[in-house]
Structure formats: structure tokens, C-alpha cells
Amino acid sequence: MAIGLRYEVGADWRTYKFLYSYAGLADLGRVLAIGDPGYQLVSWCVRQTGAEIWALNLICALIFTWGLYRFVRAQPDPWLAFVVAMPYLIVVVAMGYTRQAVAIGILMGGLAALKRGASIARFALYVAAAALFHKTAVVVLPLVIFAGQRNKFLNALAGIASCYLFYDLFLADSVEGFVRNYIESEYSSQGAAIRVTMNLVPAVIFLLFRRRLRFDEGEAGVWQYFSLASLLMPVLLIVLASSTAVDRLSLYLIPLQIAVLPRVSFLFKNHQAGRAVIVFYAMAVMFTWLNFAAHAQYWVPYKIYPGLLG
């Protein structure tokens, strides 16, 4: 409810408000043409009912929350996993980047399904659904395919073929704009290095203490590739002129934080002390972001949409 019923919260609030207003003025074909088709379709349908943008945000919040719930329930300590997700994934991403939040939520649902024994082909359907809300979600697919337990050569072939297919379906028409808007314009995000580091921390922990974190073999393969991708992000920050491009792609690696950090308690002889360390870490992240982030002003004070609570 807090995610969906927010009012003027998030740095992109005006952009989303414009998109929603446009959905009430144009026909469906034009609405679908200007953005991610899943989000635009839901936006257009809700707009036809005459509802305000809170209704669209609430639907998106429900999808995100469904995926987050499935994912944390698949962890050995669901409540601690939820605590890790709170300061950045929930407050910053879900309350600010609506389309990517929905995409991440669907991906987390797919990762939970993988843990429960779903096939990679089924996970690819989750990726396709996520890409309808934000095309860049397809970057997660090769991380999972390459981690498959089949023959590594077959994994590589399947990964390359799937990446080509998904690129052609979702990204081919958007790459030129992505390069122009992010790379060539040298568009930068303040705090990108800190957010990339937030993924780097669990990546290093996983690679150093993989066995002691008690992942099963299938999970470990997936998180190994997530960790390697997280190690690559700081390099891309240095190499690429646009930190925003790296920042936005690294959002899809956030599930690594939720999967690894709660298990740090396994490294302590006193399990409760380990849990306390992680809770303190999450509190420190929340405090630091609220007090020092350049764009925190768009979240504070948090407001509920006028008239919804009497």
C-alpha cells in the first residue's frame, strides 16, 4: 500500500505522471509505441476507467510485492531477507522506478521458481514478462542460463541463442536510443559508485564463503554469475562515460543482496549476533541514503495520495 498510494514521491514522479496523462489522450497503438508495452498497456487500461495514477501505481506495487514475497519466502531467513530489501529495493527502487520495480519483481518471482525446481525455459518466460515492463530486464537471462547444470558447452550455445532471440525481440529497437541517451550524452547518476558497491559487498562475500553460506548446487551456480556480474560493474563505471547506464543495469543484481546478506549470520558462532549485524547494516544503509543521498528530497516527506485515507 505504501508503495502504490504514494503521492509526488520519487525523482521520476513527473515523468510517470506525464506518461499516464498521455495514456488518456492517445489511442492504444500510440501509447504502446512510446514505451515498454506491458507498462503502457496497463497504464492505458487503467486510464480508461478514469482512475488517478495511484491505481496504476497500486497495480505495479502488487506485482512487485508478489515477486518480492515469493523470493524472500524462498530464503532460509525470510524476515531478515525482507529487512535487507527494505532500504534500497523497496524504498528507493519500488517507490521511484516503477517500471523497473515491476520487472525486478517478476524476475524475483522467476528466481524463486528456479529454486523450487522450475526449468530454465520457464524462467525465460518470467524474463520475457519482465521485459514487457522494462526491456533491460533481459540482461538477467544469460546469468541464469550459463549457470545451468547441463553440459557447459550446451549452456553456452543455449545462452547465446536465447540472448540473440531476446535481444531481437526486446532490445534491438531500443539500443540506439539507449546509447544516445546514456552513453554518448555521458548521463551520470550521483551515488552510482555506492549503489554498485552495495552489490559488490555480497558478491565478494559469496565468492569467499560460498560453501559456508549453505546454498544448494543449483542456487550457487546462479549467484556465482550474479557475483561475477557485480564484480564487472565497477570496471564498467570506469570504462563507460555514463554512470547512469551502469547504475540502471546494476538494479537487476539487487536480488544478490537479498540472497547472500541474510546468510552472513551463518558465518557467526552466535547466529543471533549475526542477524543483528545484518539488521544494523540495513539501518545504516537507510540512514545514509535518507541523510546524504542527493535525491532523497524527492522521498521526504513521504505523502499518501490526497483523499485516499479520508
C-alpha atoms as a PDB file:
ATOM      1  CA  MET A   1       0.000   0.000   0.000  1.00  0.00           C
ATOM      2  CA  ALA A   2       2.784   2.432   0.906  1.00  0.00           C
ATOM      3  CA  ILE A   3       4.401   1.853  -2.496  1.00  0.00           C
ATOM      4  CA  GLY A   4       1.255   2.137  -4.577  1.00  0.00           C
ATOM      5  CA  LEU A   5      -0.527   5.003  -2.825  1.00  0.00           C
ATOM      6  CA  ARG A   6       2.454   7.367  -2.705  1.00  0.00           C
ATOM      7  CA  TYR A   7       1.982  10.919  -3.957  1.00  0.00           C
ATOM      8  CA  GLU A   8       4.733  13.008  -5.555  1.00  0.00           C
ATOM      9  CA  VAL A   9       7.308  10.567  -4.209  1.00  0.00           C
ATOM     10  CA  GLY A  10      10.361   9.647  -6.288  1.00  0.00           C
ATOM     11  CA  ALA A  11      12.603  11.581  -8.639  1.00  0.00           C
ATOM     12  CA  ASP A  12      10.695  10.338 -11.727  1.00  0.00           C
ATOM     13  CA  TRP A  13       7.218  11.227 -10.452  1.00  0.00           C
ATOM     14  CA  ARG A  14       6.603  13.926 -13.094  1.00  0.00           C
ATOM     15  CA  THR A  15       7.739  11.657 -15.915  1.00  0.00           C
ATOM     16  CA  TYR A  16       5.348   8.909 -14.859  1.00  0.00           C
ATOM     17  CA  LYS A  17       2.543  11.435 -14.393  1.00  0.00           C
ATOM     18  CA  PHE A  18       3.125  12.679 -17.950  1.00  0.00           C
ATOM     19  CA  LEU A  19       3.048   9.131 -19.356  1.00  0.00           C
ATOM     20  CA  TYR A  20      -0.186   8.436 -17.507  1.00  0.00           C
ATOM     21  CA  SER A  21      -1.778  11.655 -18.758  1.00  0.00           C
ATOM     22  CA  TYR A  22      -0.742  10.815 -22.321  1.00  0.00           C
ATOM     23  CA  ALA A  23      -2.404   7.404 -21.994  1.00  0.00           C
ATOM     24  CA  GLY A  24      -5.730   9.207 -21.584  1.00  0.00           C
ATOM     25  CA  LEU A  25      -5.275  11.327 -24.698  1.00  0.00           C
ATOM     26  CA  ALA A  26      -3.895   8.905 -27.298  1.00  0.00           C
ATOM     27  CA  ASP A  27      -5.123   5.669 -28.821  1.00  0.00           C
ATOM     28  CA  LEU A  28      -3.683   2.351 -27.658  1.00  0.00           C
ATOM     29  CA  GLY A  29      -1.333   1.970 -30.627  1.00  0.00           C
ATOM     30  CA  ARG A  30       0.360   5.319 -29.982  1.00  0.00           C
ATOM     31  CA  VAL A  31       0.554   4.654 -26.252  1.00  0.00           C
ATOM     32  CA  LEU A  32       2.269   1.297 -26.799  1.00  0.00           C
ATOM     33  CA  ALA A  33       4.717   2.885 -29.235  1.00  0.00           C
ATOM     34  CA  ILE A  34       6.242   5.329 -26.750  1.00  0.00           C
ATOM     35  CA  GLY A  35       7.448   2.925 -24.079  1.00  0.00           C
ATOM     36  CA  ASP A  36       7.596  -0.538 -22.560  1.00  0.00           C
ATOM     37  CA  PRO A  37       4.431  -2.279 -23.831  1.00  0.00           C
ATOM     38  CA  GLY A  38       3.478  -4.095 -20.616  1.00  0.00           C
ATOM     39  CA  TYR A  39       3.538  -0.942 -18.532  1.00  0.00           C
ATOM     40  CA  GLN A  40       1.925   1.143 -21.254  1.00  0.00           C
ATOM     41  CA  LEU A  41      -0.904  -1.389 -21.737  1.00  0.00           C
ATOM     42  CA  VAL A  42      -1.705  -1.486 -18.029  1.00  0.00           C
ATOM     43  CA  SER A  43      -1.478   2.307 -17.928  1.00  0.00           C
ATOM     44  CA  TRP A  44      -3.867   2.698 -20.860  1.00  0.00           C
ATOM     45  CA  CYS A  45      -6.383   0.216 -19.412  1.00  0.00           C
ATOM     46  CA  VAL A  46      -6.396   1.907 -16.016  1.00  0.00           C
ATOM     47  CA  ARG A  47      -6.641   5.343 -17.610  1.00  0.00           C
ATOM     48  CA  GLN A  48      -9.808   4.273 -19.443  1.00  0.00           C
ATOM     49  CA  THR A  49     -11.525   3.744 -16.099  1.00  0.00           C
ATOM     50  CA  GLY A  50     -10.944   7.375 -15.172  1.00  0.00           C
ATOM     51  CA  ALA A  51      -8.861   6.481 -12.124  1.00  0.00           C
ATOM     52  CA  GLU A  52      -5.922   8.584 -10.976  1.00  0.00           C
ATOM     53  CA  ILE A  53      -2.291   7.443 -11.232  1.00  0.00           C
ATOM     54  CA  TRP A  54      -2.436   5.866  -7.765  1.00  0.00           C
ATOM     55  CA  ALA A  55      -4.484   2.998  -9.261  1.00  0.00           C
ATOM     56  CA  LEU A  56      -1.748   2.245 -11.790  1.00  0.00           C
ATOM     57  CA  ASN A  57       0.946   2.528  -9.119  1.00  0.00           C
ATOM     58  CA  LEU A  58      -1.014   0.200  -6.850  1.00  0.00           C
ATOM     59  CA  ILE A  59      -1.223  -2.478  -9.558  1.00  0.00           C
ATOM     60  CA  CYS A  60       2.517  -2.167 -10.217  1.00  0.00           C
ATOM     61  CA  ALA A  61       3.195  -2.313  -6.468  1.00  0.00           C
ATOM     62  CA  LEU A  62       1.160  -5.506  -6.146  1.00  0.00           C
ATOM     63  CA  ILE A  63       3.186  -7.183  -8.911  1.00  0.00           C
ATOM     64  CA  PHE A  64       6.455  -6.095  -7.326  1.00  0.00           C
ATOM     65  CA  THR A  65       5.349  -7.195  -3.854  1.00  0.00           C
ATOM     66  CA  TRP A  66       4.219 -10.576  -5.179  1.00  0.00           C
ATOM     67  CA  GLY A  67       7.686 -11.210  -6.614  1.00  0.00           C
ATOM     68  CA  LEU A  68       9.463  -9.956  -3.505  1.00  0.00           C
ATOM     69  CA  TYR A  69       7.254 -12.115  -1.265  1.00  0.00           C
ATOM     70  CA  ARG A  70       7.960 -15.239  -3.321  1.00  0.00           C
ATOM     71  CA  PHE A  71      11.673 -14.513  -3.303  1.00  0.00           C
ATOM     72  CA  VAL A  72      12.094 -13.829   0.420  1.00  0.00           C
ATOM     73  CA  ARG A  73       9.921 -16.846   1.248  1.00  0.00           C
ATOM     74  CA  ALA A  74      12.436 -18.965  -0.661  1.00  0.00           C
ATOM     75  CA  GLN A  75      15.263 -17.774   1.614  1.00  0.00           C
ATOM     76  CA  PRO A  76      16.263 -19.545   4.861  1.00  0.00           C
ATOM     77  CA  ASP A  77      15.505 -16.389   6.902  1.00  0.00           C
ATOM     78  CA  PRO A  78      12.606 -14.608   5.128  1.00  0.00           C
ATOM     79  CA  TRP A  79      12.232 -11.774   7.636  1.00  0.00           C
ATOM     80  CA  LEU A  80      15.915 -10.917   7.521  1.00  0.00           C
ATOM     81  CA  ALA A  81      15.790 -11.049   3.718  1.00  0.00           C
ATOM     82  CA  PHE A  82      12.911  -8.556   3.848  1.00  0.00           C
ATOM     83  CA  VAL A  83      14.963  -6.271   6.116  1.00  0.00           C
ATOM     84  CA  VAL A  84      17.824  -6.300   3.585  1.00  0.00           C
ATOM     85  CA  ALA A  85      15.389  -5.435   0.782  1.00  0.00           C
ATOM     86  CA  MET A  86      13.788  -2.525   2.643  1.00  0.00           C
ATOM     87  CA  PRO A  87      16.281   0.380   2.471  1.00  0.00           C
ATOM     88  CA  TYR A  88      17.057   0.377  -1.231  1.00  0.00           C
ATOM     89  CA  LEU A  89      14.982  -2.089  -3.237  1.00  0.00           C
ATOM     90  CA  ILE A  90      11.676  -1.204  -1.590  1.00  0.00           C
ATOM     91  CA  VAL A  91      12.085   2.443  -0.613  1.00  0.00           C
ATOM     92  CA  VAL A  92      14.215   3.721  -3.494  1.00  0.00           C
ATOM     93  CA  VAL A  93      13.515   1.399  -6.426  1.00  0.00           C
ATOM     94  CA  ALA A  94       9.893   0.374  -5.850  1.00  0.00           C
ATOM     95  CA  MET A  95       8.864   3.914  -4.825  1.00  0.00           C
ATOM     96  CA  GLY A  96      10.853   5.610  -7.563  1.00  0.00           C
ATOM     97  CA  TYR A  97      11.486   3.458 -10.637  1.00  0.00           C
ATOM     98  CA  THR A  98       8.035   1.950 -11.200  1.00  0.00           C
ATOM     99  CA  ARG A  99       8.700   0.074 -14.439  1.00  0.00           C
ATOM    100  CA  GLN A 100      12.000  -1.407 -13.332  1.00  0.00           C
ATOM    101  CA  ALA A 101      10.484  -2.293  -9.957  1.00  0.00           C
ATOM    102  CA  VAL A 102       7.799  -4.360 -11.693  1.00  0.00           C
ATOM    103  CA  ALA A 103      10.444  -6.007 -13.875  1.00  0.00           C
ATOM    104  CA  ILE A 104      12.595  -6.848 -10.841  1.00  0.00           C
ATOM    105  CA  GLY A 105       9.555  -8.177  -9.002  1.00  0.00           C
ATOM    106  CA  ILE A 106       8.737 -10.549 -11.859  1.00  0.00           C
ATOM    107  CA  LEU A 107      12.386 -11.634 -12.075  1.00  0.00           C
ATOM    108  CA  MET A 108      12.428 -12.366  -8.332  1.00  0.00           C
ATOM    109  CA  GLY A 109       9.328 -14.483  -8.815  1.00  0.00           C
ATOM    110  CA  GLY A 110      11.200 -16.367 -11.531  1.00  0.00           C
ATOM    111  CA  LEU A 111      14.278 -16.832  -9.338  1.00  0.00           C
ATOM    112  CA  ALA A 112      12.049 -18.229  -6.583  1.00  0.00           C
ATOM    113  CA  ALA A 113      10.521 -20.624  -9.115  1.00  0.00           C
ATOM    114  CA  LEU A 114      14.020 -21.742 -10.139  1.00  0.00           C
ATOM    115  CA  LYS A 115      14.830 -22.538  -6.518  1.00  0.00           C
ATOM    116  CA  ARG A 116      11.697 -24.649  -6.337  1.00  0.00           C
ATOM    117  CA  GLY A 117      12.773 -26.650  -9.384  1.00  0.00           C
ATOM    118  CA  ALA A 118      11.439 -24.709 -12.380  1.00  0.00           C
ATOM    119  CA  SER A 119      13.205 -25.164 -15.705  1.00  0.00           C
ATOM    120  CA  ILE A 120      15.322 -22.506 -17.361  1.00  0.00           C
ATOM    121  CA  ALA A 121      12.734 -22.406 -20.150  1.00  0.00           C
ATOM    122  CA  ARG A 122      10.103 -21.422 -17.597  1.00  0.00           C
ATOM    123  CA  PHE A 123      12.422 -18.808 -16.144  1.00  0.00           C
ATOM    124  CA  ALA A 124      12.825 -17.382 -19.647  1.00  0.00           C
ATOM    125  CA  LEU A 125       9.063 -16.752 -19.647  1.00  0.00           C
ATOM    126  CA  TYR A 126       9.463 -14.724 -16.462  1.00  0.00           C
ATOM    127  CA  VAL A 127      12.227 -12.730 -18.154  1.00  0.00           C
ATOM    128  CA  ALA A 128      10.010 -12.102 -21.170  1.00  0.00           C
ATOM    129  CA  ALA A 129       7.207 -10.864 -18.903  1.00  0.00           C
ATOM    130  CA  ALA A 130       9.659  -8.623 -17.019  1.00  0.00           C
ATOM    131  CA  ALA A 131      10.999  -7.216 -20.296  1.00  0.00           C
ATOM    132  CA  LEU A 132       7.490  -6.064 -21.203  1.00  0.00           C
ATOM    133  CA  PHE A 133       7.771  -3.604 -18.304  1.00  0.00           C
ATOM    134  CA  HIS A 134      11.429  -2.699 -18.819  1.00  0.00           C
ATOM    135  CA  LYS A 135      13.369  -4.058 -21.766  1.00  0.00           C
ATOM    136  CA  THR A 136      16.721  -4.093 -19.974  1.00  0.00           C
ATOM    137  CA  ALA A 137      15.471  -6.967 -17.777  1.00  0.00           C
ATOM    138  CA  VAL A 138      16.722  -9.365 -20.464  1.00  0.00           C
ATOM    139  CA  VAL A 139      20.278  -8.905 -19.131  1.00  0.00           C
ATOM    140  CA  VAL A 140      19.443 -11.392 -16.346  1.00  0.00           C
ATOM    141  CA  LEU A 141      18.712 -14.294 -18.697  1.00  0.00           C
ATOM    142  CA  PRO A 142      22.313 -15.226 -19.627  1.00  0.00           C
ATOM    143  CA  LEU A 143      23.331 -15.176 -15.943  1.00  0.00           C
ATOM    144  CA  VAL A 144      20.861 -17.971 -15.269  1.00  0.00           C
ATOM    145  CA  ILE A 145      21.361 -19.914 -18.488  1.00  0.00           C
ATOM    146  CA  PHE A 146      25.150 -20.061 -18.124  1.00  0.00           C
ATOM    147  CA  ALA A 147      24.670 -21.316 -14.561  1.00  0.00           C
ATOM    148  CA  GLY A 148      22.668 -24.327 -15.735  1.00  0.00           C
ATOM    149  CA  GLN A 149      23.853 -27.730 -14.599  1.00  0.00           C
ATOM    150  CA  ARG A 150      23.908 -29.232 -18.079  1.00  0.00           C
ATOM    151  CA  ASN A 151      26.975 -29.522 -20.267  1.00  0.00           C
ATOM    152  CA  LYS A 152      28.789 -26.162 -20.211  1.00  0.00           C
ATOM    153  CA  PHE A 153      29.109 -26.127 -23.990  1.00  0.00           C
ATOM    154  CA  LEU A 154      25.351 -26.646 -24.372  1.00  0.00           C
ATOM    155  CA  ASN A 155      24.755 -23.950 -21.770  1.00  0.00           C
ATOM    156  CA  ALA A 156      26.885 -21.554 -23.784  1.00  0.00           C
ATOM    157  CA  LEU A 157      25.014 -22.347 -27.005  1.00  0.00           C
ATOM    158  CA  ALA A 158      21.631 -22.006 -25.304  1.00  0.00           C
ATOM    159  CA  GLY A 159      22.737 -18.775 -23.670  1.00  0.00           C
ATOM    160  CA  ILE A 160      23.958 -17.226 -26.917  1.00  0.00           C
ATOM    161  CA  ALA A 161      20.836 -18.321 -28.811  1.00  0.00           C
ATOM    162  CA  SER A 162      18.471 -17.052 -26.101  1.00  0.00           C
ATOM    163  CA  CYS A 163      20.308 -13.765 -25.778  1.00  0.00           C
ATOM    164  CA  TYR A 164      20.113 -13.213 -29.519  1.00  0.00           C
ATOM    165  CA  LEU A 165      16.389 -14.039 -29.564  1.00  0.00           C
ATOM    166  CA  PHE A 166      15.553 -11.798 -26.623  1.00  0.00           C
ATOM    167  CA  TYR A 167      17.761  -9.021 -27.974  1.00  0.00           C
ATOM    168  CA  ASP A 168      15.911  -9.154 -31.274  1.00  0.00           C
ATOM    169  CA  LEU A 169      12.501  -9.199 -29.574  1.00  0.00           C
ATOM    170  CA  PHE A 170      13.010  -6.563 -26.897  1.00  0.00           C
ATOM    171  CA  LEU A 171      16.190  -4.528 -27.296  1.00  0.00           C
ATOM    172  CA  ALA A 172      17.027  -4.194 -30.990  1.00  0.00           C
ATOM    173  CA  ASP A 173      14.787  -1.159 -31.496  1.00  0.00           C
ATOM    174  CA  SER A 174      15.951   0.491 -28.256  1.00  0.00           C
ATOM    175  CA  VAL A 175      19.732   0.128 -28.331  1.00  0.00           C
ATOM    176  CA  GLU A 176      20.323   3.220 -30.455  1.00  0.00           C
ATOM    177  CA  GLY A 177      18.288   5.354 -28.059  1.00  0.00           C
ATOM    178  CA  PHE A 178      19.955   3.775 -25.039  1.00  0.00           C
ATOM    179  CA  VAL A 179      23.420   4.542 -26.410  1.00  0.00           C
ATOM    180  CA  ARG A 180      22.431   8.071 -27.402  1.00  0.00           C
ATOM    181  CA  ASN A 181      20.643   8.938 -24.147  1.00  0.00           C
ATOM    182  CA  TYR A 182      23.034   7.311 -21.716  1.00  0.00           C
ATOM    183  CA  ILE A 183      26.438   6.589 -23.246  1.00  0.00           C
ATOM    184  CA  GLU A 184      27.015   9.357 -25.784  1.00  0.00           C
ATOM    185  CA  SER A 185      25.386  12.027 -23.630  1.00  0.00           C
ATOM    186  CA  GLU A 186      27.572  10.915 -20.710  1.00  0.00           C
ATOM    187  CA  TYR A 187      24.485  10.941 -18.476  1.00  0.00           C
ATOM    188  CA  SER A 188      25.645  10.382 -14.894  1.00  0.00           C
ATOM    189  CA  SER A 189      23.995   9.325 -11.634  1.00  0.00           C
ATOM    190  CA  GLN A 190      25.218  10.684  -8.334  1.00  0.00           C
ATOM    191  CA  GLY A 191      25.902   7.854  -5.927  1.00  0.00           C
ATOM    192  CA  ALA A 192      26.221   5.222  -8.667  1.00  0.00           C
ATOM    193  CA  ALA A 193      29.526   4.005  -7.204  1.00  0.00           C
ATOM    194  CA  ILE A 194      27.905   3.494  -3.804  1.00  0.00           C
ATOM    195  CA  ARG A 195      24.986   1.545  -5.255  1.00  0.00           C
ATOM    196  CA  VAL A 196      27.331  -0.623  -7.319  1.00  0.00           C
ATOM    197  CA  THR A 197      29.355  -1.242  -4.149  1.00  0.00           C
ATOM    198  CA  MET A 198      26.181  -2.428  -2.408  1.00  0.00           C
ATOM    199  CA  ASN A 199      26.099  -5.314  -4.904  1.00  0.00           C
ATOM    200  CA  LEU A 200      29.863  -5.761  -4.731  1.00  0.00           C
ATOM    201  CA  VAL A 201      29.783  -6.491  -0.988  1.00  0.00           C
ATOM    202  CA  PRO A 202      27.547  -9.605  -1.198  1.00  0.00           C
ATOM    203  CA  ALA A 203      29.383 -10.696  -4.357  1.00  0.00           C
ATOM    204  CA  VAL A 204      32.719 -10.782  -2.528  1.00  0.00           C
ATOM    205  CA  ILE A 205      31.139 -12.478   0.494  1.00  0.00           C
ATOM    206  CA  PHE A 206      29.612 -15.142  -1.737  1.00  0.00           C
ATOM    207  CA  LEU A 207      32.835 -15.845  -3.620  1.00  0.00           C
ATOM    208  CA  LEU A 208      34.855 -16.073  -0.388  1.00  0.00           C
ATOM    209  CA  PHE A 209      32.410 -18.071   1.745  1.00  0.00           C
ATOM    210  CA  ARG A 210      30.264 -19.859  -0.807  1.00  0.00           C
ATOM    211  CA  ARG A 211      30.178 -23.247   0.957  1.00  0.00           C
ATOM    212  CA  ARG A 212      29.589 -21.835   4.424  1.00  0.00           C
ATOM    213  CA  LEU A 213      26.568 -19.869   3.186  1.00  0.00           C
ATOM    214  CA  ARG A 214      24.683 -23.156   2.638  1.00  0.00           C
ATOM    215  CA  PHE A 215      23.462 -22.669  -0.915  1.00  0.00           C
ATOM    216  CA  ASP A 216      22.494 -25.785  -2.800  1.00  0.00           C
ATOM    217  CA  GLU A 217      24.359 -26.525  -6.014  1.00  0.00           C
ATOM    218  CA  GLY A 218      21.777 -25.069  -8.387  1.00  0.00           C
ATOM    219  CA  GLU A 219      21.431 -21.817  -6.436  1.00  0.00           C
ATOM    220  CA  ALA A 220      25.164 -21.425  -6.057  1.00  0.00           C
ATOM    221  CA  GLY A 221      25.644 -21.513  -9.814  1.00  0.00           C
ATOM    222  CA  VAL A 222      23.154 -18.698 -10.357  1.00  0.00           C
ATOM    223  CA  TRP A 223      24.583 -16.495  -7.605  1.00  0.00           C
ATOM    224  CA  GLN A 224      28.097 -17.119  -8.860  1.00  0.00           C
ATOM    225  CA  TYR A 225      27.214 -15.457 -12.162  1.00  0.00           C
ATOM    226  CA  PHE A 226      25.359 -12.669 -10.375  1.00  0.00           C
ATOM    227  CA  SER A 227      28.504 -12.142  -8.300  1.00  0.00           C
ATOM    228  CA  LEU A 228      30.767 -12.082 -11.338  1.00  0.00           C
ATOM    229  CA  ALA A 229      28.467  -9.560 -12.992  1.00  0.00           C
ATOM    230  CA  SER A 230      28.606  -7.450  -9.821  1.00  0.00           C
ATOM    231  CA  LEU A 231      32.416  -7.518  -9.984  1.00  0.00           C
ATOM    232  CA  LEU A 232      32.196  -6.282 -13.571  1.00  0.00           C
ATOM    233  CA  MET A 233      30.068  -3.236 -12.704  1.00  0.00           C
ATOM    234  CA  PRO A 234      32.869  -1.165 -11.072  1.00  0.00           C
ATOM    235  CA  VAL A 235      35.014  -1.789 -14.143  1.00  0.00           C
ATOM    236  CA  LEU A 236      32.206  -0.524 -16.377  1.00  0.00           C
ATOM    237  CA  LEU A 237      31.873   2.566 -14.189  1.00  0.00           C
ATOM    238  CA  ILE A 238      35.481   3.388 -15.017  1.00  0.00           C
ATOM    239  CA  VAL A 239      35.336   2.445 -18.695  1.00  0.00           C
ATOM    240  CA  LEU A 240      31.965   3.915 -19.699  1.00  0.00           C
ATOM    241  CA  ALA A 241      31.320   7.633 -19.811  1.00  0.00           C
ATOM    242  CA  SER A 242      27.797   7.213 -18.406  1.00  0.00           C
ATOM    243  CA  SER A 243      27.451   6.023 -14.820  1.00  0.00           C
ATOM    244  CA  THR A 244      23.652   6.059 -15.201  1.00  0.00           C
ATOM    245  CA  ALA A 245      23.740   3.192 -17.702  1.00  0.00           C
ATOM    246  CA  VAL A 246      25.736   1.043 -15.261  1.00  0.00           C
ATOM    247  CA  ASP A 247      23.600   2.190 -12.345  1.00  0.00           C
ATOM    248  CA  ARG A 248      20.344   1.149 -14.008  1.00  0.00           C
ATOM    249  CA  LEU A 249      21.674  -2.228 -15.179  1.00  0.00           C
ATOM    250  CA  SER A 250      23.026  -2.981 -11.704  1.00  0.00           C
ATOM    251  CA  LEU A 251      19.489  -2.745 -10.303  1.00  0.00           C
ATOM    252  CA  TYR A 252      18.861  -6.232 -11.662  1.00  0.00           C
ATOM    253  CA  LEU A 253      21.672  -7.579  -9.470  1.00  0.00           C
ATOM    254  CA  ILE A 254      19.988  -6.435  -6.237  1.00  0.00           C
ATOM    255  CA  PRO A 255      18.460  -9.910  -5.611  1.00  0.00           C
ATOM    256  CA  LEU A 256      22.046 -10.987  -4.874  1.00  0.00           C
ATOM    257  CA  GLN A 257      21.949  -8.778  -1.773  1.00  0.00           C
ATOM    258  CA  ILE A 258      18.734 -10.387  -0.555  1.00  0.00           C
ATOM    259  CA  ALA A 259      20.021 -13.909  -1.180  1.00  0.00           C
ATOM    260  CA  VAL A 260      23.503 -13.527   0.320  1.00  0.00           C
ATOM    261  CA  LEU A 261      23.458 -10.952   3.121  1.00  0.00           C
ATOM    262  CA  PRO A 262      20.904 -12.716   5.381  1.00  0.00           C
ATOM    263  CA  ARG A 263      23.100 -15.834   5.211  1.00  0.00           C
ATOM    264  CA  VAL A 264      26.038 -13.903   6.678  1.00  0.00           C
ATOM    265  CA  SER A 265      24.559 -14.894  10.041  1.00  0.00           C
ATOM    266  CA  PHE A 266      25.713 -18.452   9.251  1.00  0.00           C
ATOM    267  CA  LEU A 267      29.305 -17.211   9.464  1.00  0.00           C
ATOM    268  CA  PHE A 268      28.887 -16.302  13.138  1.00  0.00           C
ATOM    269  CA  LYS A 269      29.062 -18.766  16.014  1.00  0.00           C
ATOM    270  CA  ASN A 270      26.242 -16.795  17.614  1.00  0.00           C
ATOM    271  CA  HIS A 271      23.514 -16.833  14.971  1.00  0.00           C
ATOM    272  CA  GLN A 272      21.512 -14.047  16.647  1.00  0.00           C
ATOM    273  CA  ALA A 273      24.574 -11.811  16.735  1.00  0.00           C
ATOM    274  CA  GLY A 274      24.986 -12.364  13.011  1.00  0.00           C
ATOM    275  CA  ARG A 275      21.360 -11.413  12.412  1.00  0.00           C
ATOM    276  CA  ALA A 276      21.868  -8.254  14.473  1.00  0.00           C
ATOM    277  CA  VAL A 277      24.849  -7.286  12.305  1.00  0.00           C
ATOM    278  CA  ILE A 278      22.716  -7.526   9.151  1.00  0.00           C
ATOM    279  CA  VAL A 279      19.873  -5.531  10.716  1.00  0.00           C
ATOM    280  CA  PHE A 280      22.369  -2.842  11.709  1.00  0.00           C
ATOM    281  CA  TYR A 281      23.785  -2.844   8.157  1.00  0.00           C
ATOM    282  CA  ALA A 282      20.301  -2.310   6.683  1.00  0.00           C
ATOM    283  CA  MET A 283      19.622   0.501   9.164  1.00  0.00           C
ATOM    284  CA  ALA A 284      22.934   2.139   8.252  1.00  0.00           C
ATOM    285  CA  VAL A 285      22.067   1.986   4.540  1.00  0.00           C
ATOM    286  CA  MET A 286      18.658   3.564   5.196  1.00  0.00           C
ATOM    287  CA  PHE A 287      20.126   6.298   7.425  1.00  0.00           C
ATOM    288  CA  THR A 288      22.898   7.112   4.962  1.00  0.00           C
ATOM    289  CA  TRP A 289      20.560   7.315   1.991  1.00  0.00           C
ATOM    290  CA  LEU A 290      17.939   9.446   3.757  1.00  0.00           C
ATOM    291  CA  ASN A 291      20.507  11.910   5.080  1.00  0.00           C
ATOM    292  CA  PHE A 292      23.125  12.102   2.349  1.00  0.00           C
ATOM    293  CA  ALA A 293      21.645  10.963  -0.986  1.00  0.00           C
ATOM    294  CA  ALA A 294      21.318  13.808  -3.478  1.00  0.00           C
ATOM    295  CA  HIS A 295      17.764  12.860  -4.472  1.00  0.00           C
ATOM    296  CA  ALA A 296      16.392  11.802  -1.080  1.00  0.00           C
ATOM    297  CA  GLN A 297      14.466  15.083  -1.058  1.00  0.00           C
ATOM    298  CA  TYR A 298      12.031  13.532  -3.548  1.00  0.00           C
ATOM    299  CA  TRP A 299      11.081  10.889  -0.989  1.00  0.00           C
ATOM    300  CA  VAL A 300      10.900  13.101   2.092  1.00  0.00           C
ATOM    301  CA  PRO A 301       8.367  13.813   3.383  1.00  0.00           C
ATOM    302  CA  TYR A 302       6.514  10.719   2.217  1.00  0.00           C
ATOM    303  CA  LYS A 303       2.944  11.575   1.174  1.00  0.00           C
ATOM    304  CA  ILE A 304      -0.176   9.485   0.551  1.00  0.00           C
ATOM    305  CA  TYR A 305      -2.330  10.359  -2.476  1.00  0.00           C
ATOM    306  CA  PRO A 306      -4.824  13.049  -1.394  1.00  0.00           C
ATOM    307  CA  GLY A 307      -8.266  11.866  -0.334  1.00  0.00           C
ATOM    308  CA  LEU A 308      -7.500   8.141  -0.210  1.00  0.00           C
ATOM    309  CA  LEU A 309      -7.355   7.862   3.564  1.00  0.00           C
ATOM    310  CA  GLY A 310     -10.273  10.104   4.389  1.00  0.00           C
END
